[in-house]
Amino acid sequence: MEAEAIGIDVGGTKITALRVAGRGRILARAEAPTPADDPEACIAVMTQIADRLCTAAVRAVGVGAAGMVEAATGTLRYAPNLAWRELPIAARMTQALGLPCRVENDANAAAWGEFRFGAARGHPDLLLVTVGTGIGGGIVSGGKLLRGAHGFAAEIGHIIVEPGGPVCGCGNRGCWEQVAAGRAIDRLGRDAARENPNSLLARLAGGDPERADGRLVTDAAMQGDDIAARILAMVGRRLGEGMAGLANILDPEMVVVGGGAMAAGDLLLVPAREAFADSVEAPEHRPAVPIVAAALGNDAGGVGAAALALEELGS
């Protein structure tokens, strides 16, 4: 019997559980809304949907959760955008399911999924950047997931790039995710709709600038709205500049970009690539670093969490 694992991706709005076998094959899935303001209810939902998928072949459970996960204990110490503190996820899941549990930061899990089965397969040195409401990161170096001393590595969205800038969910001002991700697109979209009431963006928002969020900015840009396209280009450039700085530190073979904001596709990626080339140290003296879209989409975190659990706990 081939060994399997359950991989759980805990998102801000939904929890997705996947039953995964070798080579990243997804055999079954289950989803439920995330009770984001109630950690205890969230643990209950996670165990319920995992239990629903369990079979005799399941050897372990992997969880990808947004925030600072202590690697040794599987405890979520701090989540910048959720009201979760000191939550012993691994212990609680093992107690409920009777299976060993590996808990990772969600972007770390996604990086491992892309490395093992996705866009970075065969590339042992990579940087994953997830661009959604905020920015997450995962680093694979020499074919190993970089966790750091405590498991808190790759919190790249919280590098301060604009001192005194917008307030971040982590409590600081001017974090990278505040100028190069969904929150920046939302903020710039509302400003643009307010200042340009006759624009397509403002019309799509029904004349209410507060409705001009990232989704509407992307829709307007794809329909040819120059104002919306300029917003995505501005945010894309900030994204590329930050990735260039990280490339100077990490020297990855490639950068994989995923997350919900990638619905904008090349409207974000093209300016990000241009800014990366303009900003990285000595581009003419180093091999090119491809910046590519993630291949596993929204399943990367669950697949990666399952693979880590199976590889590290499932024998």
C-alpha atoms as a PDB file:
ATOM      1  CA  MET A   1       0.000   0.000   0.000  1.00  0.00           C
ATOM      2  CA  GLU A   2       1.440   3.341  -1.060  1.00  0.00           C
ATOM      3  CA  ALA A   3       1.850   5.773   1.836  1.00  0.00           C
ATOM      4  CA  GLU A   4      -0.301   8.894   1.819  1.00  0.00           C
ATOM      5  CA  ALA A   5      -0.519  12.087   3.871  1.00  0.00           C
ATOM      6  CA  ILE A   6      -3.086  14.777   4.545  1.00  0.00           C
ATOM      7  CA  GLY A   7      -1.970  18.313   3.683  1.00  0.00           C
ATOM      8  CA  ILE A   8      -3.952  21.205   5.173  1.00  0.00           C
ATOM      9  CA  ASP A   9      -3.674  24.793   3.973  1.00  0.00           C
ATOM     10  CA  VAL A  10      -5.160  27.271   6.439  1.00  0.00           C
ATOM     11  CA  GLY A  11      -6.196  30.412   4.572  1.00  0.00           C
ATOM     12  CA  GLY A  12      -7.827  33.581   5.814  1.00  0.00           C
ATOM     13  CA  THR A  13     -11.206  32.632   4.349  1.00  0.00           C
ATOM     14  CA  LYS A  14     -11.094  28.854   3.863  1.00  0.00           C
ATOM     15  CA  ILE A  15      -9.296  25.730   5.032  1.00  0.00           C
ATOM     16  CA  THR A  16      -8.409  23.196   2.347  1.00  0.00           C
ATOM     17  CA  ALA A  17      -7.379  19.628   3.114  1.00  0.00           C
ATOM     18  CA  LEU A  18      -5.835  17.345   0.487  1.00  0.00           C
ATOM     19  CA  ARG A  19      -5.094  13.621   0.628  1.00  0.00           C
ATOM     20  CA  VAL A  20      -1.829  13.287  -1.250  1.00  0.00           C
ATOM     21  CA  ALA A  21       0.181  10.268  -2.429  1.00  0.00           C
ATOM     22  CA  GLY A  22       3.576   9.936  -4.093  1.00  0.00           C
ATOM     23  CA  ARG A  23       4.700  12.409  -6.752  1.00  0.00           C
ATOM     24  CA  GLY A  24       2.237  14.931  -5.329  1.00  0.00           C
ATOM     25  CA  ARG A  25      -0.873  13.187  -6.635  1.00  0.00           C
ATOM     26  CA  ILE A  26      -4.035  14.616  -5.085  1.00  0.00           C
ATOM     27  CA  LEU A  27      -6.450  11.792  -4.325  1.00  0.00           C
ATOM     28  CA  ALA A  28      -9.197  13.676  -2.484  1.00  0.00           C
ATOM     29  CA  ARG A  29      -9.983  17.102  -1.080  1.00  0.00           C
ATOM     30  CA  ALA A  30     -12.266  18.807   1.421  1.00  0.00           C
ATOM     31  CA  GLU A  31     -12.869  22.475   2.240  1.00  0.00           C
ATOM     32  CA  ALA A  32     -14.525  24.505   4.958  1.00  0.00           C
ATOM     33  CA  PRO A  33     -14.752  28.218   5.884  1.00  0.00           C
ATOM     34  CA  THR A  34     -12.043  29.490   8.237  1.00  0.00           C
ATOM     35  CA  PRO A  35     -13.322  30.703  11.631  1.00  0.00           C
ATOM     36  CA  ALA A  36     -10.461  33.202  11.574  1.00  0.00           C
ATOM     37  CA  ASP A  37     -11.293  34.942  14.857  1.00  0.00           C
ATOM     38  CA  ASP A  38     -11.595  31.722  16.870  1.00  0.00           C
ATOM     39  CA  PRO A  39      -8.433  29.564  17.052  1.00  0.00           C
ATOM     40  CA  GLU A  40     -10.205  26.752  18.917  1.00  0.00           C
ATOM     41  CA  ALA A  41     -12.949  26.561  16.314  1.00  0.00           C
ATOM     42  CA  CYS A  42     -10.295  26.577  13.602  1.00  0.00           C
ATOM     43  CA  ILE A  43      -8.513  23.585  15.146  1.00  0.00           C
ATOM     44  CA  ALA A  44     -11.850  21.792  15.317  1.00  0.00           C
ATOM     45  CA  VAL A  45     -12.552  22.433  11.619  1.00  0.00           C
ATOM     46  CA  MET A  46      -9.043  21.308  10.645  1.00  0.00           C
ATOM     47  CA  THR A  47      -9.415  18.012  12.495  1.00  0.00           C
ATOM     48  CA  GLN A  48     -12.906  17.408  11.126  1.00  0.00           C
ATOM     49  CA  ILE A  49     -11.995  17.802   7.469  1.00  0.00           C
ATOM     50  CA  ALA A  50      -8.727  15.876   7.901  1.00  0.00           C
ATOM     51  CA  ASP A  51     -10.589  13.019   9.579  1.00  0.00           C
ATOM     52  CA  ARG A  52     -13.050  13.009   6.696  1.00  0.00           C
ATOM     53  CA  LEU A  53     -10.198  12.281   4.267  1.00  0.00           C
ATOM     54  CA  CYS A  54      -8.225   9.763   6.342  1.00  0.00           C
ATOM     55  CA  THR A  55      -7.720   6.220   5.091  1.00  0.00           C
ATOM     56  CA  ALA A  56      -5.586   3.313   6.312  1.00  0.00           C
ATOM     57  CA  ALA A  57      -2.821   4.508   3.967  1.00  0.00           C
ATOM     58  CA  VAL A  58      -2.484   7.945   5.624  1.00  0.00           C
ATOM     59  CA  ARG A  59       0.732   8.070   7.674  1.00  0.00           C
ATOM     60  CA  ALA A  60       0.958  11.741   8.708  1.00  0.00           C
ATOM     61  CA  VAL A  61      -0.646  15.176   8.574  1.00  0.00           C
ATOM     62  CA  GLY A  62       0.997  18.368   7.362  1.00  0.00           C
ATOM     63  CA  VAL A  63      -0.351  21.858   8.060  1.00  0.00           C
ATOM     64  CA  GLY A  64       0.588  25.115   6.353  1.00  0.00           C
ATOM     65  CA  ALA A  65      -0.401  28.165   8.431  1.00  0.00           C
ATOM     66  CA  ALA A  66       0.321  31.850   7.880  1.00  0.00           C
ATOM     67  CA  GLY A  67       2.621  33.178  10.575  1.00  0.00           C
ATOM     68  CA  MET A  68       5.657  32.325  12.683  1.00  0.00           C
ATOM     69  CA  VAL A  69       5.682  28.558  13.230  1.00  0.00           C
ATOM     70  CA  GLU A  70       8.145  27.109  15.734  1.00  0.00           C
ATOM     71  CA  ALA A  71       9.646  24.175  13.853  1.00  0.00           C
ATOM     72  CA  ALA A  72      10.552  22.023  16.854  1.00  0.00           C
ATOM     73  CA  THR A  73       7.085  22.003  18.410  1.00  0.00           C
ATOM     74  CA  GLY A  74       4.689  22.842  15.578  1.00  0.00           C
ATOM     75  CA  THR A  75       3.370  25.796  17.568  1.00  0.00           C
ATOM     76  CA  LEU A  76       2.097  28.866  15.753  1.00  0.00           C
ATOM     77  CA  ARG A  77       3.708  31.571  17.849  1.00  0.00           C
ATOM     78  CA  TYR A  78       2.348  34.610  16.047  1.00  0.00           C
ATOM     79  CA  ALA A  79       0.138  35.336  13.045  1.00  0.00           C
ATOM     80  CA  PRO A  80       0.384  38.971  11.878  1.00  0.00           C
ATOM     81  CA  ASN A  81      -2.975  39.019  10.141  1.00  0.00           C
ATOM     82  CA  LEU A  82      -4.979  36.630  12.358  1.00  0.00           C
ATOM     83  CA  ALA A  83      -5.809  36.682  16.057  1.00  0.00           C
ATOM     84  CA  TRP A  84      -3.708  33.570  16.689  1.00  0.00           C
ATOM     85  CA  ARG A  85      -1.020  33.457  19.377  1.00  0.00           C
ATOM     86  CA  GLU A  86       0.895  30.514  20.906  1.00  0.00           C
ATOM     87  CA  LEU A  87      -1.341  27.901  19.268  1.00  0.00           C
ATOM     88  CA  PRO A  88       0.042  24.314  19.625  1.00  0.00           C
ATOM     89  CA  ILE A  89      -1.312  23.070  16.305  1.00  0.00           C
ATOM     90  CA  ALA A  90       0.813  19.920  15.964  1.00  0.00           C
ATOM     91  CA  ALA A  91       0.041  18.656  19.457  1.00  0.00           C
ATOM     92  CA  ARG A  92      -3.668  19.303  19.062  1.00  0.00           C
ATOM     93  CA  MET A  93      -3.884  17.634  15.655  1.00  0.00           C
ATOM     94  CA  THR A  94      -1.940  14.576  16.820  1.00  0.00           C
ATOM     95  CA  GLN A  95      -4.147  14.270  19.884  1.00  0.00           C
ATOM     96  CA  ALA A  96      -7.311  14.453  17.777  1.00  0.00           C
ATOM     97  CA  LEU A  97      -6.246  12.255  14.864  1.00  0.00           C
ATOM     98  CA  GLY A  98      -3.669   9.890  16.344  1.00  0.00           C
ATOM     99  CA  LEU A  99      -1.219  10.762  13.564  1.00  0.00           C
ATOM    100  CA  PRO A 100       2.107  12.621  13.622  1.00  0.00           C
ATOM    101  CA  CYS A 101       1.761  16.219  12.449  1.00  0.00           C
ATOM    102  CA  ARG A 102       4.254  18.607  10.831  1.00  0.00           C
ATOM    103  CA  VAL A 103       3.324  22.303  10.908  1.00  0.00           C
ATOM    104  CA  GLU A 104       5.006  24.809   8.589  1.00  0.00           C
ATOM    105  CA  ASN A 105       4.551  28.389   7.601  1.00  0.00           C
ATOM    106  CA  ASP A 106       2.163  28.283   4.640  1.00  0.00           C
ATOM    107  CA  ALA A 107       4.623  29.855   2.197  1.00  0.00           C
ATOM    108  CA  ASN A 108       7.361  27.432   3.305  1.00  0.00           C
ATOM    109  CA  ALA A 109       4.979  24.587   2.527  1.00  0.00           C
ATOM    110  CA  ALA A 110       4.143  26.103  -0.866  1.00  0.00           C
ATOM    111  CA  ALA A 111       7.849  26.490  -1.652  1.00  0.00           C
ATOM    112  CA  TRP A 112       8.397  22.814  -0.905  1.00  0.00           C
ATOM    113  CA  GLY A 113       5.441  21.856  -3.087  1.00  0.00           C
ATOM    114  CA  GLU A 114       6.770  23.867  -6.029  1.00  0.00           C
ATOM    115  CA  PHE A 115      10.267  22.442  -5.502  1.00  0.00           C
ATOM    116  CA  ARG A 116       9.153  18.821  -5.352  1.00  0.00           C
ATOM    117  CA  PHE A 117       6.361  18.816  -7.910  1.00  0.00           C
ATOM    118  CA  GLY A 118       5.891  22.239  -9.530  1.00  0.00           C
ATOM    119  CA  ALA A 119       7.622  25.097 -11.323  1.00  0.00           C
ATOM    120  CA  ALA A 120      10.937  24.642  -9.458  1.00  0.00           C
ATOM    121  CA  ARG A 121      11.242  20.874  -9.811  1.00  0.00           C
ATOM    122  CA  GLY A 122      14.900  20.043 -10.342  1.00  0.00           C
ATOM    123  CA  HIS A 123      16.070  23.445  -9.040  1.00  0.00           C
ATOM    124  CA  PRO A 124      17.501  23.013  -5.520  1.00  0.00           C
ATOM    125  CA  ASP A 125      18.019  26.753  -4.870  1.00  0.00           C
ATOM    126  CA  LEU A 126      14.874  28.810  -5.133  1.00  0.00           C
ATOM    127  CA  LEU A 127      12.944  31.676  -3.645  1.00  0.00           C
ATOM    128  CA  LEU A 128       9.161  31.477  -3.531  1.00  0.00           C
ATOM    129  CA  VAL A 129       7.244  34.746  -3.156  1.00  0.00           C
ATOM    130  CA  THR A 130       3.515  34.514  -2.486  1.00  0.00           C
ATOM    131  CA  VAL A 131       1.679  37.716  -3.336  1.00  0.00           C
ATOM    132  CA  GLY A 132      -1.824  37.945  -1.953  1.00  0.00           C
ATOM    133  CA  THR A 133      -3.230  40.385   0.562  1.00  0.00           C
ATOM    134  CA  GLY A 134       0.317  40.386   1.953  1.00  0.00           C
ATOM    135  CA  ILE A 135       3.608  38.761   0.969  1.00  0.00           C
ATOM    136  CA  GLY A 136       4.918  35.422   2.163  1.00  0.00           C
ATOM    137  CA  GLY A 137       8.157  33.683   1.345  1.00  0.00           C
ATOM    138  CA  GLY A 138       9.774  30.282   1.246  1.00  0.00           C
ATOM    139  CA  ILE A 139      13.408  29.428   0.589  1.00  0.00           C
ATOM    140  CA  VAL A 140      14.872  26.135  -0.597  1.00  0.00           C
ATOM    141  CA  SER A 141      18.676  26.095  -0.429  1.00  0.00           C
ATOM    142  CA  GLY A 142      20.716  23.134  -1.579  1.00  0.00           C
ATOM    143  CA  GLY A 143      17.551  21.061  -1.816  1.00  0.00           C
ATOM    144  CA  LYS A 144      16.605  21.727   1.812  1.00  0.00           C
ATOM    145  CA  LEU A 145      13.900  23.940   3.236  1.00  0.00           C
ATOM    146  CA  LEU A 146      15.468  26.898   5.045  1.00  0.00           C
ATOM    147  CA  ARG A 147      13.698  27.161   8.400  1.00  0.00           C
ATOM    148  CA  GLY A 148      16.273  29.110  10.424  1.00  0.00           C
ATOM    149  CA  ALA A 149      17.137  28.585  14.076  1.00  0.00           C
ATOM    150  CA  HIS A 150      13.532  28.531  15.283  1.00  0.00           C
ATOM    151  CA  GLY A 151      11.444  27.983  12.154  1.00  0.00           C
ATOM    152  CA  PHE A 152      10.768  31.672  11.561  1.00  0.00           C
ATOM    153  CA  ALA A 153      12.885  32.159   8.407  1.00  0.00           C
ATOM    154  CA  ALA A 154      11.606  33.760   5.178  1.00  0.00           C
ATOM    155  CA  GLU A 155       9.154  36.280   6.685  1.00  0.00           C
ATOM    156  CA  ILE A 156      10.127  38.431   3.728  1.00  0.00           C
ATOM    157  CA  GLY A 157       6.925  40.477   3.618  1.00  0.00           C
ATOM    158  CA  HIS A 158       7.915  42.212   6.829  1.00  0.00           C
ATOM    159  CA  ILE A 159      11.177  43.738   5.688  1.00  0.00           C
ATOM    160  CA  ILE A 160      10.761  47.507   6.123  1.00  0.00           C
ATOM    161  CA  VAL A 161      11.267  49.179   2.751  1.00  0.00           C
ATOM    162  CA  GLU A 162       9.452  52.472   3.358  1.00  0.00           C
ATOM    163  CA  PRO A 163      10.095  53.819   6.879  1.00  0.00           C
ATOM    164  CA  GLY A 164       7.051  55.659   8.148  1.00  0.00           C
ATOM    165  CA  GLY A 165       4.898  54.101   5.421  1.00  0.00           C
ATOM    166  CA  PRO A 166       1.514  52.377   5.746  1.00  0.00           C
ATOM    167  CA  VAL A 167       0.819  50.508   8.979  1.00  0.00           C
ATOM    168  CA  CYS A 168       1.253  46.749   8.624  1.00  0.00           C
ATOM    169  CA  GLY A 169      -0.645  43.965  10.375  1.00  0.00           C
ATOM    170  CA  CYS A 170       2.582  43.105  12.201  1.00  0.00           C
ATOM    171  CA  GLY A 171       2.545  46.548  13.869  1.00  0.00           C
ATOM    172  CA  ASN A 172       5.429  48.109  11.933  1.00  0.00           C
ATOM    173  CA  ARG A 173       5.192  50.734   9.196  1.00  0.00           C
ATOM    174  CA  GLY A 174       6.321  50.453   5.612  1.00  0.00           C
ATOM    175  CA  CYS A 175       6.754  46.675   5.354  1.00  0.00           C
ATOM    176  CA  TRP A 176       7.357  45.332   1.845  1.00  0.00           C
ATOM    177  CA  GLU A 177       3.915  43.698   1.756  1.00  0.00           C
ATOM    178  CA  GLN A 178       2.297  47.094   2.323  1.00  0.00           C
ATOM    179  CA  VAL A 179       3.710  48.512  -0.923  1.00  0.00           C
ATOM    180  CA  ALA A 180       4.040  45.454  -3.182  1.00  0.00           C
ATOM    181  CA  ALA A 181       0.968  43.266  -2.636  1.00  0.00           C
ATOM    182  CA  GLY A 182      -2.814  43.256  -2.455  1.00  0.00           C
ATOM    183  CA  ARG A 183      -3.150  45.901   0.225  1.00  0.00           C
ATOM    184  CA  ALA A 184      -1.176  48.341  -1.902  1.00  0.00           C
ATOM    185  CA  ILE A 185      -3.331  47.586  -4.942  1.00  0.00           C
ATOM    186  CA  ASP A 186      -6.478  48.105  -2.850  1.00  0.00           C
ATOM    187  CA  ARG A 187      -5.207  51.408  -1.444  1.00  0.00           C
ATOM    188  CA  LEU A 188      -4.045  52.761  -4.797  1.00  0.00           C
ATOM    189  CA  GLY A 189      -7.235  51.576  -6.471  1.00  0.00           C
ATOM    190  CA  ARG A 190      -9.445  53.461  -4.029  1.00  0.00           C
ATOM    191  CA  ASP A 191      -7.336  56.598  -4.440  1.00  0.00           C
ATOM    192  CA  ALA A 192      -7.451  56.342  -8.237  1.00  0.00           C
ATOM    193  CA  ALA A 193     -11.223  55.818  -8.332  1.00  0.00           C
ATOM    194  CA  ARG A 194     -11.679  58.845  -6.077  1.00  0.00           C
ATOM    195  CA  GLU A 195      -9.423  61.047  -8.211  1.00  0.00           C
ATOM    196  CA  ASN A 196     -10.717  59.774 -11.577  1.00  0.00           C
ATOM    197  CA  PRO A 197     -14.506  59.370 -11.256  1.00  0.00           C
ATOM    198  CA  ASN A 198     -14.934  58.926 -15.030  1.00  0.00           C
ATOM    199  CA  SER A 199     -12.423  56.071 -15.310  1.00  0.00           C
ATOM    200  CA  LEU A 200     -13.415  52.494 -16.100  1.00  0.00           C
ATOM    201  CA  LEU A 201     -12.174  51.523 -12.644  1.00  0.00           C
ATOM    202  CA  ALA A 202     -14.555  53.980 -10.988  1.00  0.00           C
ATOM    203  CA  ARG A 203     -17.431  52.774 -13.168  1.00  0.00           C
ATOM    204  CA  LEU A 204     -16.739  49.137 -12.289  1.00  0.00           C
ATOM    205  CA  ALA A 205     -16.852  50.193  -8.629  1.00  0.00           C
ATOM    206  CA  GLY A 206     -20.328  51.625  -9.203  1.00  0.00           C
ATOM    207  CA  GLY A 207     -19.126  55.115  -8.402  1.00  0.00           C
ATOM    208  CA  ASP A 208     -18.074  54.087  -4.882  1.00  0.00           C
ATOM    209  CA  PRO A 209     -14.264  54.445  -4.561  1.00  0.00           C
ATOM    210  CA  GLU A 210     -14.247  52.197  -1.473  1.00  0.00           C
ATOM    211  CA  ARG A 211     -15.239  49.263  -3.692  1.00  0.00           C
ATOM    212  CA  ALA A 212     -12.236  49.691  -5.996  1.00  0.00           C
ATOM    213  CA  ASP A 213     -10.231  46.791  -4.583  1.00  0.00           C
ATOM    214  CA  GLY A 214      -7.490  44.713  -6.182  1.00  0.00           C
ATOM    215  CA  ARG A 215      -9.919  42.484  -8.035  1.00  0.00           C
ATOM    216  CA  LEU A 216     -11.577  45.463  -9.724  1.00  0.00           C
ATOM    217  CA  VAL A 217      -8.184  47.042 -10.467  1.00  0.00           C
ATOM    218  CA  THR A 218      -7.138  43.826 -12.226  1.00  0.00           C
ATOM    219  CA  ASP A 219     -10.442  43.597 -14.121  1.00  0.00           C
ATOM    220  CA  ALA A 220     -10.170  47.224 -15.250  1.00  0.00           C
ATOM    221  CA  ALA A 221      -6.546  46.808 -16.330  1.00  0.00           C
ATOM    222  CA  MET A 222      -7.407  43.713 -18.356  1.00  0.00           C
ATOM    223  CA  GLN A 223     -10.129  45.730 -20.082  1.00  0.00           C
ATOM    224  CA  GLY A 224      -7.620  48.392 -21.094  1.00  0.00           C
ATOM    225  CA  ASP A 225      -7.905  50.967 -18.289  1.00  0.00           C
ATOM    226  CA  ASP A 226      -4.546  52.785 -18.291  1.00  0.00           C
ATOM    227  CA  ILE A 227      -5.001  54.046 -14.734  1.00  0.00           C
ATOM    228  CA  ALA A 228      -5.522  50.542 -13.393  1.00  0.00           C
ATOM    229  CA  ALA A 229      -2.642  49.201 -15.486  1.00  0.00           C
ATOM    230  CA  ARG A 230      -0.344  51.868 -14.025  1.00  0.00           C
ATOM    231  CA  ILE A 231      -1.311  50.796 -10.502  1.00  0.00           C
ATOM    232  CA  LEU A 232      -0.358  47.191 -11.239  1.00  0.00           C
ATOM    233  CA  ALA A 233       2.875  48.326 -12.907  1.00  0.00           C
ATOM    234  CA  MET A 234       3.789  50.452  -9.875  1.00  0.00           C
ATOM    235  CA  VAL A 235       3.154  47.596  -7.460  1.00  0.00           C
ATOM    236  CA  GLY A 236       4.912  45.165  -9.794  1.00  0.00           C
ATOM    237  CA  ARG A 237       8.014  47.340  -9.791  1.00  0.00           C
ATOM    238  CA  ARG A 238       8.094  47.451  -5.996  1.00  0.00           C
ATOM    239  CA  LEU A 239       7.748  43.681  -6.050  1.00  0.00           C
ATOM    240  CA  GLY A 240      10.669  43.290  -8.453  1.00  0.00           C
ATOM    241  CA  GLU A 241      12.874  45.652  -6.467  1.00  0.00           C
ATOM    242  CA  GLY A 242      12.325  43.618  -3.320  1.00  0.00           C
ATOM    243  CA  MET A 243      13.001  40.338  -5.108  1.00  0.00           C
ATOM    244  CA  ALA A 244      16.259  41.776  -6.446  1.00  0.00           C
ATOM    245  CA  GLY A 245      17.401  42.579  -2.913  1.00  0.00           C
ATOM    246  CA  LEU A 246      16.573  39.038  -1.808  1.00  0.00           C
ATOM    247  CA  ALA A 247      18.397  37.610  -4.831  1.00  0.00           C
ATOM    248  CA  ASN A 248      21.493  39.565  -3.776  1.00  0.00           C
ATOM    249  CA  ILE A 249      21.308  37.777  -0.409  1.00  0.00           C
ATOM    250  CA  LEU A 250      20.215  34.287  -1.458  1.00  0.00           C
ATOM    251  CA  ASP A 251      21.540  33.849  -5.027  1.00  0.00           C
ATOM    252  CA  PRO A 252      18.616  31.611  -6.097  1.00  0.00           C
ATOM    253  CA  GLU A 253      18.448  29.744  -9.385  1.00  0.00           C
ATOM    254  CA  MET A 254      14.927  31.020  -9.886  1.00  0.00           C
ATOM    255  CA  VAL A 255      12.132  32.986  -8.246  1.00  0.00           C
ATOM    256  CA  VAL A 256       8.667  31.430  -8.214  1.00  0.00           C
ATOM    257  CA  VAL A 257       5.752  33.818  -7.706  1.00  0.00           C
ATOM    258  CA  GLY A 258       2.353  32.620  -6.514  1.00  0.00           C
ATOM    259  CA  GLY A 259      -0.642  33.839  -4.550  1.00  0.00           C
ATOM    260  CA  GLY A 260      -3.987  35.403  -5.338  1.00  0.00           C
ATOM    261  CA  ALA A 261      -2.574  38.615  -6.794  1.00  0.00           C
ATOM    262  CA  MET A 262      -1.121  36.566  -9.640  1.00  0.00           C
ATOM    263  CA  ALA A 263      -4.554  36.709 -11.243  1.00  0.00           C
ATOM    264  CA  ALA A 264      -3.076  39.883 -12.765  1.00  0.00           C
ATOM    265  CA  GLY A 265      -0.459  37.745 -14.542  1.00  0.00           C
ATOM    266  CA  ASP A 266       1.943  39.666 -16.754  1.00  0.00           C
ATOM    267  CA  LEU A 267       0.435  42.986 -15.673  1.00  0.00           C
ATOM    268  CA  LEU A 268       2.398  42.403 -12.458  1.00  0.00           C
ATOM    269  CA  LEU A 269       5.127  40.020 -13.604  1.00  0.00           C
ATOM    270  CA  VAL A 270       6.465  42.024 -16.549  1.00  0.00           C
ATOM    271  CA  PRO A 271       7.167  45.201 -14.500  1.00  0.00           C
ATOM    272  CA  ALA A 272       8.485  42.994 -11.684  1.00  0.00           C
ATOM    273  CA  ARG A 273      10.960  41.356 -14.067  1.00  0.00           C
ATOM    274  CA  GLU A 274      12.026  44.736 -15.453  1.00  0.00           C
ATOM    275  CA  ALA A 275      12.570  46.184 -11.983  1.00  0.00           C
ATOM    276  CA  PHE A 276      14.450  43.073 -10.911  1.00  0.00           C
ATOM    277  CA  ALA A 277      16.832  43.421 -13.860  1.00  0.00           C
ATOM    278  CA  ASP A 278      17.328  47.124 -13.068  1.00  0.00           C
ATOM    279  CA  SER A 279      17.905  46.545  -9.347  1.00  0.00           C
ATOM    280  CA  VAL A 280      19.847  43.296  -8.889  1.00  0.00           C
ATOM    281  CA  GLU A 281      23.580  43.635  -8.353  1.00  0.00           C
ATOM    282  CA  ALA A 282      25.722  43.314 -11.502  1.00  0.00           C
ATOM    283  CA  PRO A 283      23.114  41.643 -13.735  1.00  0.00           C
ATOM    284  CA  GLU A 284      25.577  41.482 -16.620  1.00  0.00           C
ATOM    285  CA  HIS A 285      27.961  39.399 -14.513  1.00  0.00           C
ATOM    286  CA  ARG A 286      25.566  36.774 -13.148  1.00  0.00           C
ATOM    287  CA  PRO A 287      23.408  34.081 -14.730  1.00  0.00           C
ATOM    288  CA  ALA A 288      19.865  35.136 -15.446  1.00  0.00           C
ATOM    289  CA  VAL A 289      17.389  34.425 -12.653  1.00  0.00           C
ATOM    290  CA  PRO A 290      14.016  33.449 -14.163  1.00  0.00           C
ATOM    291  CA  ILE A 291      10.938  34.865 -12.430  1.00  0.00           C
ATOM    292  CA  VAL A 292       8.157  32.388 -13.136  1.00  0.00           C
ATOM    293  CA  ALA A 293       4.563  31.829 -12.097  1.00  0.00           C
ATOM    294  CA  ALA A 294       3.857  29.027  -9.640  1.00  0.00           C
ATOM    295  CA  ALA A 295       2.612  25.832 -11.279  1.00  0.00           C
ATOM    296  CA  LEU A 296       0.518  24.282  -8.497  1.00  0.00           C
ATOM    297  CA  GLY A 297      -1.729  27.281  -7.921  1.00  0.00           C
ATOM    298  CA  ASN A 298      -3.752  27.240  -4.722  1.00  0.00           C
ATOM    299  CA  ASP A 299      -2.839  23.596  -4.089  1.00  0.00           C
ATOM    300  CA  ALA A 300       0.877  24.310  -3.548  1.00  0.00           C
ATOM    301  CA  GLY A 301       0.581  24.792   0.208  1.00  0.00           C
ATOM    302  CA  GLY A 302      -1.460  21.662   0.828  1.00  0.00           C
ATOM    303  CA  VAL A 303       0.658  19.495  -1.459  1.00  0.00           C
ATOM    304  CA  GLY A 304       3.869  20.824   0.066  1.00  0.00           C
ATOM    305  CA  ALA A 305       2.621  20.332   3.628  1.00  0.00           C
ATOM    306  CA  ALA A 306       1.627  16.754   2.835  1.00  0.00           C
ATOM    307  CA  ALA A 307       4.969  16.032   1.165  1.00  0.00           C
ATOM    308  CA  LEU A 308       6.933  17.395   4.137  1.00  0.00           C
ATOM    309  CA  ALA A 309       4.850  15.376   6.577  1.00  0.00           C
ATOM    310  CA  LEU A 310       5.249  12.196   4.559  1.00  0.00           C
ATOM    311  CA  GLU A 311       8.977  12.661   3.987  1.00  0.00           C
ATOM    312  CA  GLU A 312       9.819  13.657   7.568  1.00  0.00           C
ATOM    313  CA  LEU A 313       7.252  11.785   9.657  1.00  0.00           C
ATOM    314  CA  GLY A 314       5.615   9.118   7.546  1.00  0.00           C
ATOM    315  CA  SER A 315       8.168   6.310   7.534  1.00  0.00           C
END
